[in-house]
Amino acid sequence: MARVQDQELIQACVDSLPIFHIQDAWAYVFFTLQFNTGCRYIEVLEVSRWTDLQDGTYELDTAKNSNNRIIPASDVPTVYKNLILSGEQEFGSMRYTTATRLFKRGFPLLPLIVGSKDVSTHVYRYAKAKKMFIDGSTIQQISDYLGEVDNQNTLGYVNAEFYTLP
């Protein structure tokens, strides 16, 4: 196993997005939103969780009993903003199995594990937390942005170690 450094993980996330754009435009929007915001899969899939606050931000009713989040409009791709405005309930037919299949076809650091688990689209949440920390955000700021109730969860994202398998 080879340890993946945080900057390498973040760069792999950035590098994966154009690959998805070529493969599937919807996957590109989906994964870009996950990377830009650190959203969980279900938070992107269920467009009805998002409310345009009309002040340059969106409120996200989060999953997993987390705090609601305020997301800057600049972090949300235009196509997704249009889905919110149109009152869509779900993000097309992007089921978890489809998202996972597309992710595995285009993500450059596979196979990738964190702890003993295979990594899928949730890697974008880790990468967002790590990027915010590297950029100088405090654990509390990252927790608030991700909607985490417990700073320990956020520390888990920031301190997670990723490995590629041979």
N, C-alpha and C. Protein backbone atom coordinates (compact mmCIF):
# COMPACT_ATOMS: atom_id res chain seq x y z
N MET A 1 0.85 -1.18 0.00
CA MET A 1 0.00 0.00 0.00
C MET A 1 0.88 1.23 0.00
N ALA A 2 0.45 2.23 -0.73
CA ALA A 2 1.19 3.50 -0.77
C ALA A 2 0.29 4.59 -0.20
N ARG A 3 0.84 5.37 0.72
CA ARG A 3 0.10 6.49 1.34
C ARG A 3 -0.08 7.58 0.30
N VAL A 4 -1.29 8.13 0.24
CA VAL A 4 -1.61 9.24 -0.65
C VAL A 4 -1.58 10.52 0.18
N GLN A 5 -0.73 11.45 -0.19
CA GLN A 5 -0.64 12.72 0.53
C GLN A 5 -1.90 13.56 0.26
N ASP A 6 -2.22 14.44 1.20
CA ASP A 6 -3.45 15.23 1.09
C ASP A 6 -3.52 16.04 -0.21
N GLN A 7 -2.43 16.70 -0.56
CA GLN A 7 -2.43 17.50 -1.80
C GLN A 7 -2.63 16.61 -3.03
N GLU A 8 -2.07 15.41 -2.99
CA GLU A 8 -2.24 14.47 -4.10
C GLU A 8 -3.71 14.03 -4.21
N LEU A 9 -4.36 13.82 -3.07
CA LEU A 9 -5.77 13.44 -3.07
C LEU A 9 -6.63 14.57 -3.66
N ILE A 10 -6.37 15.78 -3.19
CA ILE A 10 -7.13 16.94 -3.69
C ILE A 10 -6.91 17.09 -5.19
N GLN A 11 -5.66 16.97 -5.64
CA GLN A 11 -5.37 17.10 -7.07
C GLN A 11 -6.05 16.00 -7.88
N ALA A 12 -6.11 14.78 -7.34
CA ALA A 12 -6.80 13.69 -8.04
C ALA A 12 -8.27 14.02 -8.21
N CYS A 13 -8.87 14.64 -7.19
CA CYS A 13 -10.28 15.05 -7.30
C CYS A 13 -10.44 16.08 -8.41
N VAL A 14 -9.56 17.08 -8.42
CA VAL A 14 -9.62 18.12 -9.47
C VAL A 14 -9.42 17.48 -10.85
N ASP A 15 -8.42 16.60 -10.96
CA ASP A 15 -8.11 15.97 -12.24
C ASP A 15 -9.23 15.06 -12.73
N SER A 16 -10.01 14.51 -11.81
CA SER A 16 -11.07 13.59 -12.22
C SER A 16 -12.23 14.29 -12.90
N LEU A 17 -12.46 15.55 -12.57
CA LEU A 17 -13.66 16.23 -13.06
C LEU A 17 -13.72 16.35 -14.58
N PRO A 18 -12.63 16.75 -15.27
CA PRO A 18 -12.70 16.78 -16.74
C PRO A 18 -12.93 15.41 -17.36
N ILE A 19 -12.41 14.37 -16.71
CA ILE A 19 -12.63 13.01 -17.21
C ILE A 19 -14.13 12.70 -17.18
N PHE A 20 -14.78 13.07 -16.09
CA PHE A 20 -16.22 12.82 -15.99
C PHE A 20 -16.99 13.66 -17.00
N HIS A 21 -16.50 14.87 -17.28
CA HIS A 21 -17.18 15.74 -18.23
C HIS A 21 -17.23 15.07 -19.61
N ILE A 22 -16.14 14.41 -19.97
CA ILE A 22 -16.10 13.70 -21.26
C ILE A 22 -17.02 12.48 -21.24
N GLN A 23 -17.02 11.76 -20.13
CA GLN A 23 -17.80 10.52 -20.05
C GLN A 23 -19.29 10.77 -19.95
N ASP A 24 -19.67 11.73 -19.13
CA ASP A 24 -21.09 11.92 -18.81
C ASP A 24 -21.27 13.31 -18.21
N ALA A 25 -21.96 14.19 -18.91
CA ALA A 25 -22.10 15.58 -18.45
C ALA A 25 -22.80 15.67 -17.10
N TRP A 26 -23.76 14.79 -16.86
CA TRP A 26 -24.46 14.83 -15.57
C TRP A 26 -23.54 14.39 -14.44
N ALA A 27 -22.71 13.39 -14.71
CA ALA A 27 -21.74 12.96 -13.69
C ALA A 27 -20.79 14.11 -13.37
N TYR A 28 -20.41 14.86 -14.38
CA TYR A 28 -19.52 16.00 -14.16
C TYR A 28 -20.16 17.01 -13.21
N VAL A 29 -21.41 17.35 -13.44
CA VAL A 29 -22.11 18.30 -12.55
C VAL A 29 -22.23 17.70 -11.16
N PHE A 30 -22.61 16.45 -11.09
CA PHE A 30 -22.81 15.76 -9.81
C PHE A 30 -21.53 15.76 -8.98
N PHE A 31 -20.43 15.30 -9.58
CA PHE A 31 -19.17 15.19 -8.85
C PHE A 31 -18.54 16.56 -8.60
N THR A 32 -18.74 17.51 -9.49
CA THR A 32 -18.25 18.87 -9.25
C THR A 32 -18.93 19.46 -8.04
N LEU A 33 -20.24 19.26 -7.93
CA LEU A 33 -20.96 19.76 -6.76
C LEU A 33 -20.46 19.08 -5.49
N GLN A 34 -20.22 17.77 -5.56
CA GLN A 34 -19.69 17.08 -4.38
C GLN A 34 -18.31 17.63 -4.00
N PHE A 35 -17.45 17.86 -4.97
CA PHE A 35 -16.11 18.37 -4.68
C PHE A 35 -16.16 19.81 -4.17
N ASN A 36 -16.94 20.66 -4.83
CA ASN A 36 -17.01 22.07 -4.44
C ASN A 36 -17.59 22.28 -3.05
N THR A 37 -18.51 21.40 -2.65
CA THR A 37 -19.26 21.64 -1.41
C THR A 37 -19.02 20.60 -0.32
N GLY A 38 -18.45 19.46 -0.67
CA GLY A 38 -18.30 18.39 0.31
C GLY A 38 -19.62 17.70 0.63
N CYS A 39 -20.59 17.83 -0.26
CA CYS A 39 -21.90 17.21 -0.02
C CYS A 39 -21.81 15.69 -0.10
N ARG A 40 -22.68 15.06 0.66
CA ARG A 40 -22.85 13.62 0.54
C ARG A 40 -23.65 13.33 -0.73
N TYR A 41 -23.56 12.10 -1.19
CA TYR A 41 -24.28 11.68 -2.40
C TYR A 41 -25.76 12.04 -2.32
N ILE A 42 -26.41 11.68 -1.22
CA ILE A 42 -27.85 11.89 -1.08
C ILE A 42 -28.21 13.37 -1.09
N GLU A 43 -27.31 14.22 -0.60
CA GLU A 43 -27.56 15.66 -0.56
C GLU A 43 -27.52 16.28 -1.95
N VAL A 44 -26.78 15.66 -2.85
CA VAL A 44 -26.77 16.11 -4.25
C VAL A 44 -27.95 15.51 -4.99
N LEU A 45 -28.22 14.24 -4.76
CA LEU A 45 -29.30 13.55 -5.47
C LEU A 45 -30.65 14.21 -5.22
N GLU A 46 -30.92 14.55 -3.97
CA GLU A 46 -32.23 15.10 -3.62
C GLU A 46 -32.21 16.63 -3.71
N VAL A 47 -32.50 17.12 -4.89
CA VAL A 47 -32.49 18.56 -5.16
C VAL A 47 -33.45 19.29 -4.22
N SER A 48 -34.50 18.61 -3.81
CA SER A 48 -35.51 19.24 -2.94
C SER A 48 -34.94 19.63 -1.57
N ARG A 49 -33.75 19.16 -1.23
CA ARG A 49 -33.12 19.56 0.04
C ARG A 49 -32.57 20.99 -0.01
N TRP A 50 -32.47 21.57 -1.19
CA TRP A 50 -31.83 22.86 -1.40
C TRP A 50 -32.86 23.98 -1.50
N THR A 51 -32.56 25.11 -0.84
CA THR A 51 -33.41 26.30 -0.91
C THR A 51 -32.55 27.50 -1.28
N ASP A 52 -32.97 28.22 -2.32
CA ASP A 52 -32.28 29.44 -2.71
C ASP A 52 -32.70 30.54 -1.74
N LEU A 53 -31.76 31.06 -0.97
CA LEU A 53 -32.08 32.10 0.01
C LEU A 53 -32.11 33.49 -0.59
N GLN A 54 -31.89 33.60 -1.89
CA GLN A 54 -31.99 34.87 -2.61
C GLN A 54 -30.97 35.92 -2.14
N ASP A 55 -29.90 35.47 -1.49
CA ASP A 55 -28.87 36.40 -1.03
C ASP A 55 -27.48 35.94 -1.46
N GLY A 56 -27.43 35.11 -2.51
CA GLY A 56 -26.15 34.59 -2.97
C GLY A 56 -25.75 33.31 -2.26
N THR A 57 -26.70 32.71 -1.52
CA THR A 57 -26.42 31.46 -0.81
C THR A 57 -27.60 30.50 -0.97
N TYR A 58 -27.32 29.25 -0.68
CA TYR A 58 -28.33 28.20 -0.65
C TYR A 58 -28.31 27.56 0.72
N GLU A 59 -29.48 27.20 1.23
CA GLU A 59 -29.55 26.41 2.45
C GLU A 59 -29.77 24.97 2.06
N LEU A 60 -29.00 24.10 2.68
CA LEU A 60 -29.09 22.68 2.41
C LEU A 60 -29.57 21.95 3.65
N ASP A 61 -30.69 21.27 3.52
CA ASP A 61 -31.21 20.41 4.59
C ASP A 61 -30.41 19.11 4.50
N THR A 62 -29.48 18.93 5.42
CA THR A 62 -28.50 17.87 5.30
C THR A 62 -29.04 16.50 5.69
N ALA A 63 -28.25 15.51 5.35
CA ALA A 63 -28.55 14.12 5.69
C ALA A 63 -27.87 13.77 7.01
N LYS A 64 -28.21 12.62 7.57
CA LYS A 64 -27.55 12.05 8.74
C LYS A 64 -27.67 12.92 9.99
N ASN A 65 -28.80 13.56 10.21
CA ASN A 65 -29.02 14.36 11.42
C ASN A 65 -27.94 15.41 11.65
N SER A 66 -27.43 15.96 10.59
CA SER A 66 -26.44 17.02 10.68
C SER A 66 -27.15 18.37 10.71
N ASN A 67 -26.38 19.42 10.96
CA ASN A 67 -26.92 20.77 10.91
C ASN A 67 -27.15 21.18 9.46
N ASN A 68 -28.19 21.99 9.24
CA ASN A 68 -28.36 22.55 7.91
C ASN A 68 -27.14 23.38 7.56
N ARG A 69 -26.87 23.50 6.27
CA ARG A 69 -25.68 24.20 5.81
C ARG A 69 -26.06 25.39 4.95
N ILE A 70 -25.22 26.39 4.97
CA ILE A 70 -25.35 27.52 4.05
C ILE A 70 -24.20 27.39 3.05
N ILE A 71 -24.55 27.28 1.78
CA ILE A 71 -23.58 27.06 0.72
C ILE A 71 -23.52 28.31 -0.16
N PRO A 72 -22.34 28.89 -0.37
CA PRO A 72 -22.24 30.03 -1.29
C PRO A 72 -22.66 29.62 -2.70
N ALA A 73 -23.38 30.50 -3.38
CA ALA A 73 -23.83 30.20 -4.74
C ALA A 73 -22.65 29.93 -5.66
N SER A 74 -21.50 30.53 -5.38
CA SER A 74 -20.32 30.33 -6.22
C SER A 74 -19.82 28.89 -6.19
N ASP A 75 -20.21 28.10 -5.20
CA ASP A 75 -19.80 26.70 -5.10
C ASP A 75 -20.75 25.76 -5.84
N VAL A 76 -21.86 26.30 -6.35
CA VAL A 76 -22.90 25.47 -6.96
C VAL A 76 -22.88 25.67 -8.49
N PRO A 77 -22.68 24.59 -9.26
CA PRO A 77 -22.69 24.71 -10.71
C PRO A 77 -24.02 25.26 -11.23
N THR A 78 -23.96 26.05 -12.28
CA THR A 78 -25.15 26.70 -12.84
C THR A 78 -26.25 25.70 -13.19
N VAL A 79 -25.88 24.57 -13.76
CA VAL A 79 -26.88 23.56 -14.13
C VAL A 79 -27.66 23.12 -12.89
N TYR A 80 -26.96 22.96 -11.78
CA TYR A 80 -27.65 22.53 -10.55
C TYR A 80 -28.52 23.66 -10.01
N LYS A 81 -28.06 24.89 -10.09
CA LYS A 81 -28.88 26.04 -9.67
C LYS A 81 -30.20 26.03 -10.45
N ASN A 82 -30.11 25.73 -11.73
CA ASN A 82 -31.32 25.69 -12.56
C ASN A 82 -32.27 24.58 -12.13
N LEU A 83 -31.72 23.44 -11.69
CA LEU A 83 -32.57 22.37 -11.16
C LEU A 83 -33.30 22.82 -9.90
N ILE A 84 -32.59 23.54 -9.03
CA ILE A 84 -33.21 24.05 -7.80
C ILE A 84 -34.32 25.03 -8.14
N LEU A 85 -34.03 25.97 -9.05
CA LEU A 85 -35.02 26.98 -9.43
C LEU A 85 -36.26 26.37 -10.09
N SER A 86 -36.06 25.28 -10.83
CA SER A 86 -37.18 24.67 -11.54
C SER A 86 -38.05 23.80 -10.63
N GLY A 87 -37.61 23.60 -9.38
CA GLY A 87 -38.40 22.81 -8.45
C GLY A 87 -38.23 21.31 -8.60
N GLU A 88 -37.16 20.90 -9.28
CA GLU A 88 -36.89 19.46 -9.42
C GLU A 88 -36.77 18.83 -8.04
N GLN A 89 -37.22 17.59 -7.93
CA GLN A 89 -37.13 16.86 -6.67
C GLN A 89 -35.84 16.06 -6.57
N GLU A 90 -35.44 15.46 -7.71
CA GLU A 90 -34.25 14.62 -7.73
C GLU A 90 -33.38 14.97 -8.92
N PHE A 91 -32.12 14.60 -8.81
CA PHE A 91 -31.12 14.82 -9.85
C PHE A 91 -31.21 13.71 -10.87
N GLY A 92 -32.14 13.81 -11.79
CA GLY A 92 -32.27 12.85 -12.87
C GLY A 92 -32.28 11.41 -12.40
N SER A 93 -31.58 10.57 -13.11
CA SER A 93 -31.56 9.14 -12.81
C SER A 93 -30.21 8.71 -12.22
N MET A 94 -29.51 9.62 -11.57
CA MET A 94 -28.19 9.31 -11.03
C MET A 94 -28.32 8.48 -9.75
N ARG A 95 -28.49 7.20 -9.90
CA ARG A 95 -28.60 6.31 -8.75
C ARG A 95 -27.19 6.04 -8.20
N TYR A 96 -27.14 5.56 -6.97
CA TYR A 96 -25.85 5.34 -6.32
C TYR A 96 -24.98 4.37 -7.12
N THR A 97 -25.58 3.31 -7.63
CA THR A 97 -24.80 2.34 -8.39
C THR A 97 -24.23 2.98 -9.66
N THR A 98 -25.00 3.87 -10.29
CA THR A 98 -24.52 4.56 -11.49
C THR A 98 -23.39 5.50 -11.12
N ALA A 99 -23.57 6.28 -10.05
CA ALA A 99 -22.54 7.21 -9.61
C ALA A 99 -21.26 6.46 -9.27
N THR A 100 -21.38 5.35 -8.57
CA THR A 100 -20.21 4.57 -8.19
C THR A 100 -19.50 4.00 -9.41
N ARG A 101 -20.28 3.50 -10.36
CA ARG A 101 -19.69 2.94 -11.58
C ARG A 101 -18.94 4.02 -12.36
N LEU A 102 -19.55 5.18 -12.53
CA LEU A 102 -18.89 6.28 -13.24
C LEU A 102 -17.64 6.74 -12.49
N PHE A 103 -17.75 6.82 -11.17
CA PHE A 103 -16.61 7.24 -10.35
C PHE A 103 -15.44 6.28 -10.55
N LYS A 104 -15.72 4.99 -10.49
CA LYS A 104 -14.65 3.99 -10.61
C LYS A 104 -14.05 3.99 -12.01
N ARG A 105 -14.81 4.42 -12.98
CA ARG A 105 -14.30 4.45 -14.35
C ARG A 105 -13.39 5.65 -14.58
N GLY A 106 -13.56 6.73 -13.78
CA GLY A 106 -12.82 7.95 -14.08
C GLY A 106 -11.87 8.47 -13.03
N PHE A 107 -11.96 7.97 -11.79
CA PHE A 107 -11.12 8.53 -10.74
C PHE A 107 -9.70 7.96 -10.86
N PRO A 108 -8.67 8.84 -10.84
CA PRO A 108 -7.32 8.39 -11.18
C PRO A 108 -6.57 7.60 -10.12
N LEU A 109 -6.99 7.59 -8.87
CA LEU A 109 -6.20 6.93 -7.81
C LEU A 109 -6.81 5.63 -7.31
N LEU A 110 -7.46 4.88 -8.17
CA LEU A 110 -8.09 3.65 -7.71
C LEU A 110 -7.19 2.46 -7.91
N PRO A 111 -7.27 1.43 -7.07
CA PRO A 111 -8.14 1.36 -5.90
C PRO A 111 -7.59 2.21 -4.75
N LEU A 112 -8.49 2.88 -4.07
CA LEU A 112 -8.17 3.80 -2.99
C LEU A 112 -8.94 3.38 -1.75
N ILE A 113 -8.26 3.36 -0.61
CA ILE A 113 -8.94 3.01 0.63
C ILE A 113 -8.64 4.06 1.69
N VAL A 114 -9.58 4.19 2.64
CA VAL A 114 -9.38 4.98 3.84
C VAL A 114 -9.71 4.03 4.99
N GLY A 115 -8.75 3.84 5.89
CA GLY A 115 -8.93 2.80 6.89
C GLY A 115 -8.96 1.47 6.18
N SER A 116 -10.04 0.72 6.37
CA SER A 116 -10.18 -0.56 5.67
C SER A 116 -11.29 -0.51 4.63
N LYS A 117 -11.81 0.69 4.34
CA LYS A 117 -12.94 0.81 3.42
C LYS A 117 -12.50 1.28 2.04
N ASP A 118 -13.14 0.71 1.01
CA ASP A 118 -12.97 1.24 -0.34
C ASP A 118 -13.59 2.63 -0.38
N VAL A 119 -13.02 3.49 -1.18
CA VAL A 119 -13.51 4.86 -1.29
C VAL A 119 -14.30 5.01 -2.58
N SER A 120 -15.39 5.72 -2.48
CA SER A 120 -16.17 6.05 -3.66
C SER A 120 -16.38 7.57 -3.68
N THR A 121 -17.55 8.01 -4.07
CA THR A 121 -17.77 9.44 -4.25
C THR A 121 -17.63 10.24 -2.96
N HIS A 122 -17.66 9.58 -1.82
CA HIS A 122 -17.51 10.28 -0.53
C HIS A 122 -16.11 10.89 -0.40
N VAL A 123 -15.18 10.48 -1.26
CA VAL A 123 -13.83 11.04 -1.24
C VAL A 123 -13.87 12.55 -1.43
N TYR A 124 -14.87 13.05 -2.16
CA TYR A 124 -14.96 14.49 -2.40
C TYR A 124 -15.25 15.25 -1.10
N ARG A 125 -15.97 14.63 -0.18
CA ARG A 125 -16.23 15.26 1.12
C ARG A 125 -14.93 15.36 1.93
N TYR A 126 -14.17 14.27 1.92
CA TYR A 126 -12.86 14.29 2.58
C TYR A 126 -11.96 15.37 1.97
N ALA A 127 -11.92 15.39 0.65
CA ALA A 127 -11.05 16.34 -0.05
C ALA A 127 -11.44 17.78 0.26
N LYS A 128 -12.73 18.06 0.33
CA LYS A 128 -13.18 19.42 0.65
C LYS A 128 -12.72 19.81 2.05
N ALA A 129 -12.88 18.91 3.02
CA ALA A 129 -12.44 19.19 4.38
C ALA A 129 -10.94 19.41 4.43
N LYS A 130 -10.19 18.56 3.76
CA LYS A 130 -8.74 18.69 3.75
C LYS A 130 -8.30 19.99 3.08
N LYS A 131 -8.95 20.33 1.97
CA LYS A 131 -8.60 21.56 1.25
C LYS A 131 -8.89 22.79 2.11
N MET A 132 -10.04 22.80 2.77
CA MET A 132 -10.37 23.94 3.64
C MET A 132 -9.34 24.07 4.76
N PHE A 133 -8.92 22.94 5.33
CA PHE A 133 -7.94 22.97 6.42
C PHE A 133 -6.59 23.49 5.91
N ILE A 134 -6.15 22.98 4.78
CA ILE A 134 -4.89 23.45 4.18
C ILE A 134 -4.96 24.94 3.87
N ASP A 135 -6.13 25.40 3.44
CA ASP A 135 -6.32 26.82 3.10
C ASP A 135 -6.48 27.71 4.32
N GLY A 136 -6.46 27.12 5.54
CA GLY A 136 -6.45 27.93 6.75
C GLY A 136 -7.75 27.98 7.54
N SER A 137 -8.77 27.24 7.13
CA SER A 137 -10.01 27.21 7.90
C SER A 137 -9.81 26.45 9.20
N THR A 138 -10.52 26.86 10.24
CA THR A 138 -10.46 26.15 11.51
C THR A 138 -11.36 24.91 11.45
N ILE A 139 -11.17 24.01 12.39
CA ILE A 139 -12.02 22.82 12.46
C ILE A 139 -13.48 23.23 12.63
N GLN A 140 -13.74 24.24 13.45
CA GLN A 140 -15.12 24.70 13.64
C GLN A 140 -15.71 25.25 12.35
N GLN A 141 -14.93 26.01 11.59
CA GLN A 141 -15.42 26.54 10.31
C GLN A 141 -15.73 25.41 9.33
N ILE A 142 -14.87 24.41 9.31
CA ILE A 142 -15.08 23.26 8.42
C ILE A 142 -16.32 22.49 8.87
N SER A 143 -16.46 22.27 10.18
CA SER A 143 -17.65 21.59 10.71
C SER A 143 -18.91 22.31 10.31
N ASP A 144 -18.91 23.63 10.46
CA ASP A 144 -20.09 24.43 10.10
C ASP A 144 -20.39 24.30 8.62
N TYR A 145 -19.36 24.39 7.79
CA TYR A 145 -19.56 24.31 6.34
C TYR A 145 -20.10 22.95 5.94
N LEU A 146 -19.56 21.89 6.54
CA LEU A 146 -20.01 20.54 6.19
C LEU A 146 -21.31 20.14 6.89
N GLY A 147 -21.75 20.96 7.85
CA GLY A 147 -22.98 20.64 8.58
C GLY A 147 -22.77 19.61 9.67
N GLU A 148 -21.53 19.38 10.06
CA GLU A 148 -21.23 18.38 11.08
C GLU A 148 -21.60 18.92 12.46
N VAL A 149 -22.27 18.11 13.26
CA VAL A 149 -22.65 18.48 14.62
C VAL A 149 -21.45 18.36 15.55
N ASP A 150 -20.60 17.38 15.28
CA ASP A 150 -19.48 17.05 16.17
C ASP A 150 -18.15 17.33 15.46
N ASN A 151 -17.32 18.14 16.09
CA ASN A 151 -16.00 18.44 15.51
C ASN A 151 -15.15 17.19 15.33
N GLN A 152 -15.41 16.15 16.12
CA GLN A 152 -14.65 14.90 15.99
C GLN A 152 -14.84 14.29 14.60
N ASN A 153 -16.06 14.39 14.08
CA ASN A 153 -16.30 13.89 12.72
C ASN A 153 -15.46 14.66 11.72
N THR A 154 -15.41 15.97 11.91
CA THR A 154 -14.63 16.81 11.00
C THR A 154 -13.15 16.47 11.10
N LEU A 155 -12.66 16.28 12.31
CA LEU A 155 -11.26 15.87 12.49
C LEU A 155 -11.00 14.56 11.76
N GLY A 156 -11.99 13.67 11.77
CA GLY A 156 -11.85 12.41 11.04
C GLY A 156 -11.66 12.64 9.55
N TYR A 157 -12.38 13.59 8.99
CA TYR A 157 -12.21 13.92 7.57
C TYR A 157 -10.84 14.54 7.31
N VAL A 158 -10.46 15.50 8.15
CA VAL A 158 -9.21 16.22 7.95
C VAL A 158 -8.00 15.31 8.14
N ASN A 159 -8.06 14.42 9.12
CA ASN A 159 -6.90 13.59 9.46
C ASN A 159 -6.88 12.22 8.80
N ALA A 160 -7.89 11.91 8.03
CA ALA A 160 -7.96 10.58 7.39
C ALA A 160 -6.75 10.35 6.51
N GLU A 161 -6.27 9.13 6.53
CA GLU A 161 -5.15 8.74 5.68
C GLU A 161 -5.67 7.81 4.58
N PHE A 162 -5.30 8.14 3.36
CA PHE A 162 -5.72 7.37 2.20
C PHE A 162 -4.53 6.57 1.66
N TYR A 163 -4.85 5.41 1.12
CA TYR A 163 -3.81 4.55 0.55
C TYR A 163 -4.31 3.99 -0.78
N THR A 164 -3.40 3.84 -1.71
CA THR A 164 -3.71 3.11 -2.94
C THR A 164 -3.22 1.69 -2.77
N LEU A 165 -3.92 0.79 -3.37
CA LEU A 165 -3.55 -0.63 -3.31
C LEU A 165 -2.78 -1.00 -4.58
N PRO A 166 -1.86 -1.95 -4.45
CA PRO A 166 -1.08 -2.35 -5.64
C PRO A 166 -1.95 -3.07 -6.66
